[in-house]
Amino acid sequence: MKESLKVLQKAAEIQNKKGNDYQNPNSRVRQAMYYPRGCATILDTMQAKVLRIQSVLQDKNYDPNFESLEDSCIDIINYASFFVAYMNGHIDGQHPDNDFLNRPKTTASVEE
């Protein structure tokens, strides 16, 4: 198996494990609740991960204390998958009457 596919497999496993923490089956919290502005919130989170990576890379002697660069990259992969799922209306708790930015969908009325 290609290394890149192994990374995707690891990302899926982590997404599954973290999903159980973030959306405990006994909780009323749903995944969409983490993204009040829909895909825009997900993109903000992805950008924060990119900025963290850039910050760590700027100091070649810096050793991350908690989250490795690999962990940050895997998080970006998972957030990218959330972005696509949200665009397609498939995030748990997503309101079907809202668009990909979690705004109410407008229906154009036809004047007679």
C-alpha atoms as a PDB file:
ATOM      1  CA  MET A   1       0.000   0.000   0.000  1.00  0.00           C
ATOM      2  CA  LYS A   2       1.259   3.465  -0.878  1.00  0.00           C
ATOM      3  CA  GLU A   3       2.430   5.543   2.067  1.00  0.00           C
ATOM      4  CA  SER A   4      -0.079   8.279   1.184  1.00  0.00           C
ATOM      5  CA  LEU A   5      -2.926   5.767   1.432  1.00  0.00           C
ATOM      6  CA  LYS A   6      -1.606   4.630   4.816  1.00  0.00           C
ATOM      7  CA  VAL A   7      -1.777   8.267   5.937  1.00  0.00           C
ATOM      8  CA  LEU A   8      -5.400   8.488   4.767  1.00  0.00           C
ATOM      9  CA  GLN A   9      -6.187   5.259   6.597  1.00  0.00           C
ATOM     10  CA  LYS A  10      -4.602   6.653   9.776  1.00  0.00           C
ATOM     11  CA  ALA A  11      -6.574   9.891   9.330  1.00  0.00           C
ATOM     12  CA  ALA A  12      -9.810   7.895   9.083  1.00  0.00           C
ATOM     13  CA  GLU A  13      -8.961   5.929  12.234  1.00  0.00           C
ATOM     14  CA  ILE A  14      -8.193   9.125  14.150  1.00  0.00           C
ATOM     15  CA  GLN A  15     -11.369  10.776  12.852  1.00  0.00           C
ATOM     16  CA  ASN A  16     -13.356   7.808  14.124  1.00  0.00           C
ATOM     17  CA  LYS A  17     -11.732   7.887  17.575  1.00  0.00           C
ATOM     18  CA  LYS A  18     -11.959  11.667  18.000  1.00  0.00           C
ATOM     19  CA  GLY A  19     -15.524  11.590  16.719  1.00  0.00           C
ATOM     20  CA  ASN A  20     -16.502   9.475  19.697  1.00  0.00           C
ATOM     21  CA  ASP A  21     -15.010  12.092  22.025  1.00  0.00           C
ATOM     22  CA  TYR A  22     -16.478  15.141  20.292  1.00  0.00           C
ATOM     23  CA  GLN A  23     -19.890  13.595  19.633  1.00  0.00           C
ATOM     24  CA  ASN A  24     -20.372  11.254  22.535  1.00  0.00           C
ATOM     25  CA  PRO A  25     -23.313   8.988  21.615  1.00  0.00           C
ATOM     26  CA  ASN A  26     -25.029   9.957  24.900  1.00  0.00           C
ATOM     27  CA  SER A  27     -24.655  13.681  24.230  1.00  0.00           C
ATOM     28  CA  ARG A  28     -26.969  16.034  22.389  1.00  0.00           C
ATOM     29  CA  VAL A  29     -23.956  17.747  20.800  1.00  0.00           C
ATOM     30  CA  ARG A  30     -23.825  17.100  17.048  1.00  0.00           C
ATOM     31  CA  GLN A  31     -20.906  17.695  14.707  1.00  0.00           C
ATOM     32  CA  ALA A  32     -22.594  20.586  12.879  1.00  0.00           C
ATOM     33  CA  MET A  33     -22.753  22.510  16.155  1.00  0.00           C
ATOM     34  CA  TYR A  34     -18.974  22.979  15.994  1.00  0.00           C
ATOM     35  CA  TYR A  35     -19.342  24.865  12.706  1.00  0.00           C
ATOM     36  CA  PRO A  36     -21.698  27.828  13.281  1.00  0.00           C
ATOM     37  CA  ARG A  37     -20.658  29.375   9.949  1.00  0.00           C
ATOM     38  CA  GLY A  38     -20.565  26.056   8.120  1.00  0.00           C
ATOM     39  CA  CYS A  39     -17.644  25.589   5.748  1.00  0.00           C
ATOM     40  CA  ALA A  40     -16.261  29.013   6.716  1.00  0.00           C
ATOM     41  CA  THR A  41     -15.715  27.782  10.287  1.00  0.00           C
ATOM     42  CA  ILE A  42     -14.085  24.592   9.024  1.00  0.00           C
ATOM     43  CA  LEU A  43     -11.793  26.646   6.777  1.00  0.00           C
ATOM     44  CA  ASP A  44     -10.845  28.865   9.748  1.00  0.00           C
ATOM     45  CA  THR A  45      -9.854  25.744  11.675  1.00  0.00           C
ATOM     46  CA  MET A  46      -7.814  24.445   8.745  1.00  0.00           C
ATOM     47  CA  GLN A  47      -6.073  27.824   8.437  1.00  0.00           C
ATOM     48  CA  ALA A  48      -5.207  27.743  12.162  1.00  0.00           C
ATOM     49  CA  LYS A  49      -3.578  24.337  11.632  1.00  0.00           C
ATOM     50  CA  VAL A  50      -1.588  25.681   8.654  1.00  0.00           C
ATOM     51  CA  LEU A  51      -0.432  28.678  10.717  1.00  0.00           C
ATOM     52  CA  ARG A  52       0.683  26.347  13.504  1.00  0.00           C
ATOM     53  CA  ILE A  53       2.699  24.298  11.017  1.00  0.00           C
ATOM     54  CA  GLN A  54       4.283  27.460   9.605  1.00  0.00           C
ATOM     55  CA  SER A  55       5.140  28.651  13.101  1.00  0.00           C
ATOM     56  CA  VAL A  56       6.856  25.381  13.995  1.00  0.00           C
ATOM     57  CA  LEU A  57       8.718  25.215  10.663  1.00  0.00           C
ATOM     58  CA  GLN A  58      10.141  28.733  11.033  1.00  0.00           C
ATOM     59  CA  ASP A  59      12.371  27.600  13.911  1.00  0.00           C
ATOM     60  CA  LYS A  60      14.342  24.558  12.773  1.00  0.00           C
ATOM     61  CA  ASN A  61      15.505  23.955  16.359  1.00  0.00           C
ATOM     62  CA  TYR A  62      11.994  23.972  17.799  1.00  0.00           C
ATOM     63  CA  ASP A  63      10.627  20.663  19.044  1.00  0.00           C
ATOM     64  CA  PRO A  64       6.822  20.676  19.347  1.00  0.00           C
ATOM     65  CA  ASN A  65       5.668  20.046  22.908  1.00  0.00           C
ATOM     66  CA  PHE A  66       2.416  18.290  22.218  1.00  0.00           C
ATOM     67  CA  GLU A  67       1.175  17.910  18.660  1.00  0.00           C
ATOM     68  CA  SER A  68       3.579  16.737  15.968  1.00  0.00           C
ATOM     69  CA  LEU A  69       3.617  18.189  12.466  1.00  0.00           C
ATOM     70  CA  GLU A  70       2.225  14.857  11.275  1.00  0.00           C
ATOM     71  CA  ASP A  71      -0.683  15.220  13.717  1.00  0.00           C
ATOM     72  CA  SER A  72      -1.420  18.709  12.390  1.00  0.00           C
ATOM     73  CA  CYS A  73      -1.342  17.475   8.794  1.00  0.00           C
ATOM     74  CA  ILE A  74      -3.695  14.609   9.606  1.00  0.00           C
ATOM     75  CA  ASP A  75      -6.041  17.087  11.282  1.00  0.00           C
ATOM     76  CA  ILE A  76      -6.051  19.156   8.072  1.00  0.00           C
ATOM     77  CA  ILE A  77      -6.911  16.038   6.063  1.00  0.00           C
ATOM     78  CA  ASN A  78      -9.827  15.338   8.382  1.00  0.00           C
ATOM     79  CA  TYR A  79     -11.072  18.930   8.358  1.00  0.00           C
ATOM     80  CA  ALA A  80     -10.898  18.878   4.547  1.00  0.00           C
ATOM     81  CA  SER A  81     -13.146  15.810   4.593  1.00  0.00           C
ATOM     82  CA  PHE A  82     -15.560  17.637   6.945  1.00  0.00           C
ATOM     83  CA  PHE A  83     -15.561  20.582   4.522  1.00  0.00           C
ATOM     84  CA  VAL A  84     -16.609  18.345   1.614  1.00  0.00           C
ATOM     85  CA  ALA A  85     -19.177  16.501   3.725  1.00  0.00           C
ATOM     86  CA  TYR A  86     -20.656  19.813   4.892  1.00  0.00           C
ATOM     87  CA  MET A  87     -20.837  21.131   1.312  1.00  0.00           C
ATOM     88  CA  ASN A  88     -22.749  17.981   0.402  1.00  0.00           C
ATOM     89  CA  GLY A  89     -25.123  18.301   3.368  1.00  0.00           C
ATOM     90  CA  HIS A  90     -23.873  15.203   5.172  1.00  0.00           C
ATOM     91  CA  ILE A  91     -22.628  16.458   8.553  1.00  0.00           C
ATOM     92  CA  ASP A  92     -24.484  15.089  11.565  1.00  0.00           C
ATOM     93  CA  GLY A  93     -26.872  17.752  12.825  1.00  0.00           C
ATOM     94  CA  GLN A  94     -26.613  19.926   9.725  1.00  0.00           C
ATOM     95  CA  HIS A  95     -29.869  21.777   9.027  1.00  0.00           C
ATOM     96  CA  PRO A  96     -31.153  20.820   5.551  1.00  0.00           C
ATOM     97  CA  ASP A  97     -32.675  24.275   5.023  1.00  0.00           C
ATOM     98  CA  ASN A  98     -29.279  25.967   5.380  1.00  0.00           C
ATOM     99  CA  ASP A  99     -26.537  26.354   2.784  1.00  0.00           C
ATOM    100  CA  PHE A 100     -22.856  25.406   3.039  1.00  0.00           C
ATOM    101  CA  LEU A 101     -22.183  28.531   5.136  1.00  0.00           C
ATOM    102  CA  ASN A 102     -25.054  27.594   7.474  1.00  0.00           C
ATOM    103  CA  ARG A 103     -27.201  30.445   6.187  1.00  0.00           C
ATOM    104  CA  PRO A 104     -30.893  29.887   5.501  1.00  0.00           C
ATOM    105  CA  LYS A 105     -31.351  28.958   1.859  1.00  0.00           C
ATOM    106  CA  THR A 106     -33.290  31.539  -0.050  1.00  0.00           C
ATOM    107  CA  THR A 107     -35.830  30.526  -2.597  1.00  0.00           C
ATOM    108  CA  ALA A 108     -36.324  32.910  -5.456  1.00  0.00           C
ATOM    109  CA  SER A 109     -39.980  33.627  -5.928  1.00  0.00           C
ATOM    110  CA  VAL A 110     -41.226  33.856  -9.465  1.00  0.00           C
ATOM    111  CA  GLU A 111     -43.326  36.940 -10.108  1.00  0.00           C
ATOM    112  CA  GLU A 112     -46.449  36.257 -12.051  1.00  0.00           C
END
